[in-house]
Every structure is written in C-alpha cells, then in structure tokens.
Amino acid sequence: MSVTDTDVIKDITYRVLENGDADATGTTLLTDMFTITGIVDSMNRVQQKFMIDTGMVLTRLGTSIPVTVGNGRYDLPTDNSAVVRVSYTDFQATTEVTRALTPTDTWELDTAINLWPSGADTPITWWQTTLAQQRLGIAPIPNNVGELNLLYVALAATLTGAGVNLSRRA
C-alpha cells in the first residue's frame, strides 16, 4: 500500500479542524495556526529525519569511488544524506584486500594516528567532521590505488502536496 503526501495532509487537516471532518480536503484550513506549506515543510523534515535515524532504507553506491595514491578526500554521491558504512579495496596488495573502515573524527585522528594528514599507509578509518558537505575523508592517506564502496541513506523524495509517495523500498 502506498501512502502519498496528500493522504497525510488530509489526515492532518482533519485532526486540526475545529468542526469535525467537514472540509478536510487537504487544501484549506479553518485555523490560522497552520498553513498547508508549513505542514508540507514539516512532513519533509520529519521524513528525512526518520530515514536517517532508522537507517532502514540504505542505498549501495552503484559505482565504486576510485582511490588514488596520496588523495585522502573524495566526493560523495549527490543523493547522499548520511554515510552508514565505508569499505576500502586495496588493488596493489599481494592479494586484493577489502576491509571495512571505522568511522572517526579529526580529534581522534589527531590523538591516535601520528601524522595522519601527511603519512601514507593503508586506510583504516573514514571521517567527515571538518569537511564540506558531500565530502568524505579516509586516513591514513592511501599509499596504493583502490576503491571505496559506500552504504548510505539517500535523500527522501521531496513531498510537495501533489500526491508524491512517501519514501520506501518495494
């Protein structure tokens, strides 16, 4: 069963009306406390927060991110909302090795990994704390070529009040 944004708006308007279910069309309100635009904006915020908090709908990056020697920062997909898991595959090891990277922040990198911004080695961790949006850092900086694979929460469908299905996977 699909639930659309208009279904939710109609339910909300029914619940905020002071005269029962009369005029609960989802297009007008009988009160000045709320607006349809405000309701739609709130629905978008709640839907995205729910997607991030639960992580129950994850997206696997279709194409791996190529890793180059000496580069520790990479662009994330444009539909990324929150990174959940990152793995690194080292192509130049004696046997191809894939390992899950541990999430961290720059404070931990500063205190735990000596010379992490400049020393090259096999990456063991990923971070985003001091980077621009839609960027990901790996540390230490890779000394071999490889690839990054991501599991992430994608942006939810933007609700407009025009019958858009709420985000879900079939």
N, C-alpha and C. Protein backbone atom coordinates (compact mmCIF):
# COMPACT_ATOMS: atom_id res chain seq x y z
N MET A 1 0.84 -1.18 0.00
CA MET A 1 0.00 0.00 0.00
C MET A 1 0.88 1.24 0.00
N SER A 2 0.60 2.14 -0.91
CA SER A 2 1.36 3.38 -0.99
C SER A 2 0.64 4.48 -0.21
N VAL A 3 1.40 5.29 0.47
CA VAL A 3 0.87 6.45 1.18
C VAL A 3 1.46 7.68 0.50
N THR A 4 0.58 8.58 0.12
CA THR A 4 1.05 9.80 -0.54
C THR A 4 1.03 10.97 0.44
N ASP A 5 1.72 12.03 0.04
CA ASP A 5 1.73 13.22 0.89
C ASP A 5 0.34 13.82 1.03
N THR A 6 -0.51 13.70 0.00
CA THR A 6 -1.86 14.24 0.12
C THR A 6 -2.69 13.46 1.13
N ASP A 7 -2.45 12.14 1.24
CA ASP A 7 -3.15 11.35 2.27
C ASP A 7 -2.79 11.87 3.66
N VAL A 8 -1.53 12.13 3.89
CA VAL A 8 -1.08 12.60 5.20
C VAL A 8 -1.61 14.01 5.46
N ILE A 9 -1.59 14.87 4.45
CA ILE A 9 -2.10 16.24 4.62
C ILE A 9 -3.58 16.21 4.97
N LYS A 10 -4.36 15.35 4.30
CA LYS A 10 -5.79 15.25 4.61
C LYS A 10 -5.99 14.78 6.06
N ASP A 11 -5.18 13.84 6.50
CA ASP A 11 -5.30 13.37 7.88
C ASP A 11 -4.94 14.47 8.86
N ILE A 12 -3.90 15.23 8.56
CA ILE A 12 -3.50 16.34 9.44
C ILE A 12 -4.59 17.40 9.48
N THR A 13 -5.13 17.76 8.31
CA THR A 13 -6.17 18.80 8.31
C THR A 13 -7.41 18.33 9.07
N TYR A 14 -7.72 17.06 8.97
CA TYR A 14 -8.84 16.52 9.74
C TYR A 14 -8.59 16.68 11.23
N ARG A 15 -7.36 16.43 11.66
CA ARG A 15 -7.04 16.46 13.08
C ARG A 15 -6.91 17.87 13.65
N VAL A 16 -6.66 18.89 12.82
CA VAL A 16 -6.54 20.25 13.35
C VAL A 16 -7.82 21.07 13.16
N LEU A 17 -8.80 20.53 12.44
CA LEU A 17 -10.06 21.26 12.26
C LEU A 17 -10.84 21.28 13.56
N GLU A 18 -11.51 22.36 13.77
CA GLU A 18 -12.29 22.50 14.99
C GLU A 18 -13.74 22.10 14.79
N ASN A 19 -14.15 21.74 13.56
CA ASN A 19 -15.53 21.38 13.30
C ASN A 19 -15.66 19.94 12.77
N GLY A 20 -14.95 19.02 13.36
CA GLY A 20 -15.04 17.63 12.91
C GLY A 20 -14.34 17.44 11.59
N ASP A 21 -14.92 16.61 10.72
CA ASP A 21 -14.25 16.31 9.45
C ASP A 21 -14.79 17.12 8.28
N ALA A 22 -15.60 18.12 8.53
CA ALA A 22 -16.08 18.97 7.45
C ALA A 22 -14.91 19.72 6.83
N ASP A 23 -14.88 19.77 5.53
CA ASP A 23 -13.86 20.50 4.78
C ASP A 23 -12.44 19.95 4.95
N ALA A 24 -12.28 18.70 5.35
CA ALA A 24 -10.93 18.12 5.49
C ALA A 24 -10.46 17.63 4.12
N THR A 25 -10.18 18.57 3.25
CA THR A 25 -9.80 18.24 1.87
C THR A 25 -8.30 18.20 1.68
N GLY A 26 -7.56 18.76 2.60
CA GLY A 26 -6.12 18.83 2.45
C GLY A 26 -5.66 20.04 1.68
N THR A 27 -6.59 20.93 1.33
CA THR A 27 -6.21 22.13 0.58
C THR A 27 -6.45 23.41 1.36
N THR A 28 -7.37 23.40 2.31
CA THR A 28 -7.64 24.60 3.11
C THR A 28 -7.73 24.22 4.58
N LEU A 29 -7.43 25.18 5.41
CA LEU A 29 -7.54 25.00 6.85
C LEU A 29 -8.48 26.05 7.41
N LEU A 30 -9.19 25.71 8.44
CA LEU A 30 -10.11 26.65 9.07
C LEU A 30 -9.47 27.36 10.25
N THR A 31 -8.18 27.21 10.41
CA THR A 31 -7.46 27.86 11.51
C THR A 31 -6.27 28.62 10.96
N ASP A 32 -5.87 29.66 11.66
CA ASP A 32 -4.69 30.43 11.25
C ASP A 32 -3.40 29.91 11.88
N MET A 33 -3.54 28.88 12.72
CA MET A 33 -2.35 28.35 13.41
C MET A 33 -1.41 27.61 12.46
N PHE A 34 -1.95 27.03 11.37
CA PHE A 34 -1.15 26.21 10.46
C PHE A 34 -1.40 26.67 9.03
N THR A 35 -0.45 26.34 8.14
CA THR A 35 -0.63 26.54 6.70
C THR A 35 -0.29 25.23 6.01
N ILE A 36 -0.82 25.05 4.82
CA ILE A 36 -0.50 23.83 4.06
C ILE A 36 1.00 23.79 3.76
N THR A 37 1.58 24.92 3.41
CA THR A 37 3.03 24.98 3.14
C THR A 37 3.82 24.58 4.38
N GLY A 38 3.41 25.07 5.55
CA GLY A 38 4.08 24.70 6.79
C GLY A 38 3.97 23.22 7.10
N ILE A 39 2.80 22.65 6.81
CA ILE A 39 2.60 21.21 7.03
C ILE A 39 3.50 20.40 6.10
N VAL A 40 3.56 20.78 4.81
CA VAL A 40 4.41 20.06 3.85
C VAL A 40 5.87 20.19 4.24
N ASP A 41 6.32 21.38 4.64
CA ASP A 41 7.70 21.55 5.08
C ASP A 41 8.02 20.66 6.28
N SER A 42 7.11 20.61 7.23
CA SER A 42 7.30 19.76 8.41
C SER A 42 7.36 18.28 8.02
N MET A 43 6.50 17.87 7.10
CA MET A 43 6.50 16.47 6.64
C MET A 43 7.84 16.11 6.00
N ASN A 44 8.41 17.02 5.22
CA ASN A 44 9.72 16.76 4.60
C ASN A 44 10.80 16.59 5.66
N ARG A 45 10.81 17.47 6.66
CA ARG A 45 11.81 17.37 7.73
C ARG A 45 11.67 16.06 8.50
N VAL A 46 10.45 15.72 8.86
CA VAL A 46 10.21 14.51 9.65
C VAL A 46 10.58 13.26 8.84
N GLN A 47 10.20 13.24 7.56
CA GLN A 47 10.51 12.08 6.72
C GLN A 47 12.03 11.87 6.61
N GLN A 48 12.79 12.95 6.36
CA GLN A 48 14.24 12.81 6.21
C GLN A 48 14.88 12.41 7.53
N LYS A 49 14.43 12.99 8.63
CA LYS A 49 14.98 12.63 9.94
C LYS A 49 14.70 11.16 10.25
N PHE A 50 13.50 10.70 9.93
CA PHE A 50 13.15 9.30 10.14
C PHE A 50 14.07 8.38 9.32
N MET A 51 14.32 8.75 8.07
CA MET A 51 15.19 7.94 7.20
C MET A 51 16.61 7.86 7.78
N ILE A 52 17.12 8.98 8.27
CA ILE A 52 18.48 9.00 8.83
C ILE A 52 18.53 8.26 10.16
N ASP A 53 17.57 8.53 11.05
CA ASP A 53 17.59 7.92 12.38
C ASP A 53 17.44 6.41 12.35
N THR A 54 16.59 5.91 11.48
CA THR A 54 16.37 4.45 11.44
C THR A 54 17.39 3.76 10.55
N GLY A 55 17.81 4.39 9.47
CA GLY A 55 18.73 3.75 8.53
C GLY A 55 18.16 2.48 7.93
N MET A 56 16.84 2.34 7.94
CA MET A 56 16.25 1.09 7.47
C MET A 56 16.16 1.00 5.96
N VAL A 57 16.36 2.11 5.25
CA VAL A 57 16.43 2.07 3.79
C VAL A 57 17.81 2.60 3.40
N LEU A 58 18.67 1.67 3.00
CA LEU A 58 20.04 2.04 2.63
C LEU A 58 20.24 1.91 1.14
N THR A 59 21.14 2.70 0.62
CA THR A 59 21.49 2.66 -0.79
C THR A 59 22.94 2.23 -0.91
N ARG A 60 23.20 1.28 -1.79
CA ARG A 60 24.58 0.87 -2.07
C ARG A 60 25.03 1.63 -3.30
N LEU A 61 26.16 2.28 -3.19
CA LEU A 61 26.70 3.05 -4.31
C LEU A 61 26.89 2.13 -5.49
N GLY A 62 26.27 2.47 -6.63
CA GLY A 62 26.33 1.62 -7.82
C GLY A 62 27.73 1.50 -8.40
N THR A 63 28.46 2.59 -8.43
CA THR A 63 29.82 2.59 -8.96
C THR A 63 30.76 2.97 -7.84
N SER A 64 31.81 2.18 -7.66
CA SER A 64 32.77 2.47 -6.60
C SER A 64 33.50 3.78 -6.87
N ILE A 65 33.98 4.39 -5.81
CA ILE A 65 34.76 5.62 -5.92
C ILE A 65 36.23 5.23 -6.06
N PRO A 66 36.87 5.59 -7.18
CA PRO A 66 38.28 5.24 -7.36
C PRO A 66 39.18 5.97 -6.36
N VAL A 67 40.08 5.24 -5.75
CA VAL A 67 41.02 5.79 -4.77
C VAL A 67 42.37 5.94 -5.45
N THR A 68 42.97 7.12 -5.31
CA THR A 68 44.28 7.37 -5.90
C THR A 68 45.32 7.55 -4.80
N VAL A 69 46.56 7.26 -5.12
CA VAL A 69 47.65 7.38 -4.16
C VAL A 69 47.79 8.85 -3.75
N GLY A 70 47.88 9.10 -2.44
CA GLY A 70 48.10 10.44 -1.94
C GLY A 70 46.86 11.31 -1.80
N ASN A 71 45.69 10.80 -2.17
CA ASN A 71 44.46 11.58 -2.05
C ASN A 71 43.60 11.00 -0.94
N GLY A 72 43.32 11.78 0.09
CA GLY A 72 42.55 11.29 1.22
C GLY A 72 41.15 11.83 1.31
N ARG A 73 40.70 12.61 0.29
CA ARG A 73 39.36 13.20 0.32
C ARG A 73 38.63 12.92 -0.99
N TYR A 74 37.34 12.54 -0.86
CA TYR A 74 36.57 12.13 -2.03
C TYR A 74 35.16 12.69 -1.98
N ASP A 75 34.59 12.93 -3.15
CA ASP A 75 33.21 13.42 -3.25
C ASP A 75 32.24 12.27 -3.03
N LEU A 76 31.14 12.58 -2.36
CA LEU A 76 30.07 11.61 -2.12
C LEU A 76 28.99 11.78 -3.18
N PRO A 77 28.12 10.79 -3.33
CA PRO A 77 27.02 10.93 -4.30
C PRO A 77 26.12 12.11 -3.95
N THR A 78 25.53 12.72 -4.95
CA THR A 78 24.70 13.91 -4.72
C THR A 78 23.43 13.58 -3.94
N ASP A 79 22.97 12.34 -3.97
CA ASP A 79 21.76 11.98 -3.22
C ASP A 79 22.07 11.46 -1.82
N ASN A 80 23.31 11.59 -1.37
CA ASN A 80 23.70 11.14 -0.04
C ASN A 80 23.12 12.04 1.04
N SER A 81 22.57 11.41 2.06
CA SER A 81 22.07 12.15 3.22
C SER A 81 22.90 11.83 4.45
N ALA A 82 23.30 10.56 4.59
CA ALA A 82 24.13 10.14 5.72
C ALA A 82 24.88 8.87 5.35
N VAL A 83 26.19 8.89 5.52
CA VAL A 83 27.01 7.70 5.25
C VAL A 83 26.86 6.73 6.42
N VAL A 84 26.67 5.45 6.11
CA VAL A 84 26.50 4.44 7.14
C VAL A 84 27.72 3.53 7.22
N ARG A 85 28.26 3.12 6.07
CA ARG A 85 29.38 2.18 6.05
C ARG A 85 30.28 2.48 4.86
N VAL A 86 31.59 2.38 5.08
CA VAL A 86 32.57 2.59 4.01
C VAL A 86 33.53 1.42 4.04
N SER A 87 33.81 0.87 2.86
CA SER A 87 34.85 -0.17 2.77
C SER A 87 35.88 0.27 1.72
N TYR A 88 37.09 -0.21 1.91
CA TYR A 88 38.21 0.12 1.02
C TYR A 88 38.78 -1.16 0.46
N THR A 89 38.95 -1.19 -0.85
CA THR A 89 39.60 -2.32 -1.51
C THR A 89 40.95 -1.85 -2.02
N ASP A 90 42.02 -2.54 -1.59
CA ASP A 90 43.38 -2.23 -1.99
C ASP A 90 43.74 -3.14 -3.16
N PHE A 91 43.97 -2.54 -4.34
CA PHE A 91 44.27 -3.32 -5.54
C PHE A 91 45.73 -3.75 -5.64
N GLN A 92 46.64 -3.09 -4.91
CA GLN A 92 48.05 -3.39 -5.07
C GLN A 92 48.62 -4.22 -3.93
N ALA A 93 47.78 -4.71 -3.05
CA ALA A 93 48.26 -5.63 -2.01
C ALA A 93 48.61 -6.95 -2.71
N THR A 94 49.34 -7.81 -2.02
CA THR A 94 49.71 -9.09 -2.63
C THR A 94 48.48 -9.86 -3.08
N THR A 95 47.44 -9.81 -2.31
CA THR A 95 46.13 -10.31 -2.73
C THR A 95 45.14 -9.18 -2.50
N GLU A 96 44.19 -9.04 -3.41
CA GLU A 96 43.22 -7.95 -3.28
C GLU A 96 42.50 -8.04 -1.95
N VAL A 97 42.59 -6.98 -1.16
CA VAL A 97 42.05 -6.98 0.20
C VAL A 97 40.97 -5.92 0.31
N THR A 98 39.80 -6.31 0.84
CA THR A 98 38.73 -5.35 1.14
C THR A 98 38.54 -5.33 2.64
N ARG A 99 38.49 -4.14 3.20
CA ARG A 99 38.29 -4.00 4.64
C ARG A 99 37.28 -2.90 4.92
N ALA A 100 36.50 -3.11 5.98
CA ALA A 100 35.57 -2.07 6.44
C ALA A 100 36.37 -1.01 7.16
N LEU A 101 36.09 0.25 6.86
CA LEU A 101 36.76 1.35 7.54
C LEU A 101 35.91 1.79 8.73
N THR A 102 36.57 2.17 9.79
CA THR A 102 35.92 2.59 11.02
C THR A 102 35.62 4.08 10.98
N PRO A 103 34.41 4.51 11.36
CA PRO A 103 34.15 5.95 11.39
C PRO A 103 34.88 6.62 12.55
N THR A 104 35.34 7.83 12.33
CA THR A 104 36.07 8.57 13.35
C THR A 104 35.86 10.06 13.15
N ASP A 105 36.57 10.87 13.91
CA ASP A 105 36.55 12.32 13.70
C ASP A 105 37.98 12.84 13.77
N THR A 106 38.16 14.11 13.47
CA THR A 106 39.52 14.65 13.40
C THR A 106 40.20 14.72 14.76
N TRP A 107 39.45 14.89 15.84
CA TRP A 107 40.07 14.88 17.17
C TRP A 107 40.70 13.52 17.43
N GLU A 108 39.99 12.46 17.15
CA GLU A 108 40.54 11.13 17.36
C GLU A 108 41.73 10.87 16.45
N LEU A 109 41.66 11.35 15.22
CA LEU A 109 42.80 11.19 14.31
C LEU A 109 44.01 11.93 14.84
N ASP A 110 43.82 13.14 15.35
CA ASP A 110 44.94 13.93 15.88
C ASP A 110 45.60 13.24 17.07
N THR A 111 44.79 12.59 17.90
CA THR A 111 45.35 12.00 19.13
C THR A 111 45.77 10.54 18.97
N ALA A 112 45.28 9.85 17.96
CA ALA A 112 45.55 8.41 17.86
C ALA A 112 46.46 8.01 16.70
N ILE A 113 46.44 8.76 15.61
CA ILE A 113 47.24 8.38 14.45
C ILE A 113 48.27 9.47 14.19
N ASN A 114 49.51 9.14 14.46
CA ASN A 114 50.59 10.09 14.28
C ASN A 114 50.74 10.47 12.82
N LEU A 115 50.80 11.76 12.55
CA LEU A 115 51.00 12.30 11.20
C LEU A 115 49.92 11.86 10.20
N TRP A 116 48.65 11.69 10.65
CA TRP A 116 47.61 11.21 9.75
C TRP A 116 47.37 12.10 8.53
N PRO A 117 47.53 13.43 8.61
CA PRO A 117 47.24 14.21 7.40
C PRO A 117 48.27 14.04 6.30
N SER A 118 49.49 13.62 6.66
CA SER A 118 50.54 13.56 5.65
C SER A 118 51.13 12.17 5.46
N GLY A 119 51.03 11.31 6.45
CA GLY A 119 51.60 9.97 6.32
C GLY A 119 50.75 9.07 5.45
N ALA A 120 51.40 8.29 4.58
CA ALA A 120 50.67 7.39 3.68
C ALA A 120 50.77 5.96 4.18
N ASP A 121 49.66 5.27 4.13
CA ASP A 121 49.58 3.87 4.56
C ASP A 121 48.24 3.32 4.06
N THR A 122 47.88 2.13 4.47
CA THR A 122 46.58 1.57 4.12
C THR A 122 45.51 2.23 4.99
N PRO A 123 44.47 2.81 4.37
CA PRO A 123 43.42 3.47 5.15
C PRO A 123 42.73 2.50 6.12
N ILE A 124 42.43 3.00 7.31
CA ILE A 124 41.74 2.19 8.31
C ILE A 124 40.48 2.88 8.84
N THR A 125 40.29 4.16 8.49
CA THR A 125 39.18 4.91 9.06
C THR A 125 38.65 5.94 8.07
N TRP A 126 37.42 6.38 8.28
CA TRP A 126 36.84 7.45 7.47
C TRP A 126 36.25 8.52 8.38
N TRP A 127 36.16 9.75 7.85
CA TRP A 127 35.68 10.87 8.65
C TRP A 127 35.04 11.93 7.76
N GLN A 128 34.20 12.78 8.38
CA GLN A 128 33.56 13.88 7.66
C GLN A 128 33.52 15.16 8.48
N THR A 129 33.99 15.14 9.71
CA THR A 129 33.74 16.22 10.66
C THR A 129 34.16 17.61 10.21
N THR A 130 35.29 17.78 9.58
CA THR A 130 35.76 19.11 9.22
C THR A 130 35.75 19.35 7.72
N LEU A 131 35.02 18.53 6.99
CA LEU A 131 34.97 18.66 5.53
C LEU A 131 33.67 19.34 5.10
N ALA A 132 33.69 19.84 3.88
CA ALA A 132 32.47 20.41 3.31
C ALA A 132 31.43 19.30 3.13
N GLN A 133 30.18 19.71 2.96
CA GLN A 133 29.14 18.72 2.73
C GLN A 133 29.46 17.90 1.49
N GLN A 134 28.99 16.66 1.51
CA GLN A 134 29.17 15.73 0.40
C GLN A 134 30.65 15.41 0.12
N ARG A 135 31.47 15.43 1.16
CA ARG A 135 32.87 15.02 1.07
C ARG A 135 33.14 14.01 2.16
N LEU A 136 34.09 13.12 1.91
CA LEU A 136 34.47 12.09 2.85
C LEU A 136 35.99 12.00 2.85
N GLY A 137 36.55 11.86 4.02
CA GLY A 137 38.00 11.70 4.13
C GLY A 137 38.34 10.30 4.62
N ILE A 138 39.47 9.77 4.16
CA ILE A 138 39.97 8.49 4.67
C ILE A 138 41.36 8.72 5.22
N ALA A 139 41.70 7.96 6.25
CA ALA A 139 43.01 8.13 6.88
C ALA A 139 43.55 6.76 7.28
N PRO A 140 44.85 6.59 7.25
CA PRO A 140 45.84 7.47 6.64
C PRO A 140 45.59 7.60 5.13
N ILE A 141 46.26 8.56 4.54
CA ILE A 141 46.16 8.76 3.10
C ILE A 141 46.64 7.48 2.41
N PRO A 142 45.91 7.01 1.39
CA PRO A 142 46.27 5.72 0.77
C PRO A 142 47.62 5.76 0.06
N ASN A 143 48.36 4.65 0.22
CA ASN A 143 49.63 4.51 -0.48
C ASN A 143 49.51 3.59 -1.69
N ASN A 144 48.29 3.07 -1.96
CA ASN A 144 48.02 2.23 -3.12
C ASN A 144 46.70 2.67 -3.75
N VAL A 145 46.54 2.33 -5.02
CA VAL A 145 45.26 2.60 -5.67
C VAL A 145 44.24 1.57 -5.20
N GLY A 146 42.98 1.94 -5.25
CA GLY A 146 41.92 1.04 -4.82
C GLY A 146 40.58 1.65 -5.11
N GLU A 147 39.59 1.27 -4.29
CA GLU A 147 38.26 1.83 -4.47
C GLU A 147 37.52 1.87 -3.14
N LEU A 148 36.59 2.81 -3.02
CA LEU A 148 35.72 2.92 -1.86
C LEU A 148 34.33 2.46 -2.25
N ASN A 149 33.70 1.68 -1.39
CA ASN A 149 32.31 1.28 -1.57
C ASN A 149 31.52 1.84 -0.40
N LEU A 150 30.31 2.35 -0.68
CA LEU A 150 29.51 3.03 0.34
C LEU A 150 28.15 2.39 0.51
N LEU A 151 27.68 2.39 1.74
CA LEU A 151 26.27 2.20 2.06
C LEU A 151 25.85 3.52 2.69
N TYR A 152 24.76 4.10 2.21
CA TYR A 152 24.35 5.39 2.73
C TYR A 152 22.83 5.53 2.70
N VAL A 153 22.35 6.49 3.46
CA VAL A 153 20.94 6.85 3.44
C VAL A 153 20.77 7.90 2.36
N ALA A 154 19.96 7.59 1.36
CA ALA A 154 19.72 8.55 0.28
C ALA A 154 18.68 9.58 0.70
N LEU A 155 18.70 10.71 0.04
CA LEU A 155 17.70 11.74 0.30
C LEU A 155 16.31 11.18 0.03
N ALA A 156 15.37 11.51 0.87
CA ALA A 156 13.99 11.07 0.68
C ALA A 156 13.35 11.87 -0.45
N ALA A 157 12.28 11.32 -1.01
CA ALA A 157 11.54 12.04 -2.05
C ALA A 157 11.00 13.34 -1.46
N THR A 158 11.10 14.43 -2.22
CA THR A 158 10.60 15.71 -1.75
C THR A 158 9.08 15.74 -1.85
N LEU A 159 8.44 15.94 -0.72
CA LEU A 159 6.99 16.00 -0.68
C LEU A 159 6.54 17.39 -1.09
N THR A 160 5.52 17.46 -1.93
CA THR A 160 5.05 18.75 -2.45
C THR A 160 3.59 19.02 -2.14
N GLY A 161 2.86 18.00 -1.73
CA GLY A 161 1.42 18.14 -1.55
C GLY A 161 0.65 17.82 -2.80
N ALA A 162 1.33 17.24 -3.78
CA ALA A 162 0.70 16.93 -5.06
C ALA A 162 0.58 15.42 -5.30
N GLY A 163 0.58 14.63 -4.25
CA GLY A 163 0.40 13.18 -4.42
C GLY A 163 1.69 12.40 -4.54
N VAL A 164 2.79 12.91 -4.01
CA VAL A 164 4.08 12.22 -4.04
C VAL A 164 4.07 11.09 -3.01
N ASN A 165 4.53 9.88 -3.41
CA ASN A 165 4.62 8.76 -2.47
C ASN A 165 5.70 9.05 -1.43
N LEU A 166 5.40 8.71 -0.18
CA LEU A 166 6.42 8.81 0.86
C LEU A 166 7.51 7.79 0.54
N SER A 167 8.76 8.08 0.91
CA SER A 167 9.90 7.23 0.56
C SER A 167 9.76 5.85 1.18
N ARG A 168 10.03 4.84 0.37
CA ARG A 168 10.07 3.46 0.83
C ARG A 168 10.70 2.62 -0.27
N ARG A 169 11.09 1.42 0.08
CA ARG A 169 11.60 0.46 -0.89
C ARG A 169 10.57 -0.64 -1.06
N ALA A 170 10.42 -1.13 -2.28
CA ALA A 170 9.46 -2.21 -2.53
C ALA A 170 10.01 -3.53 -2.05
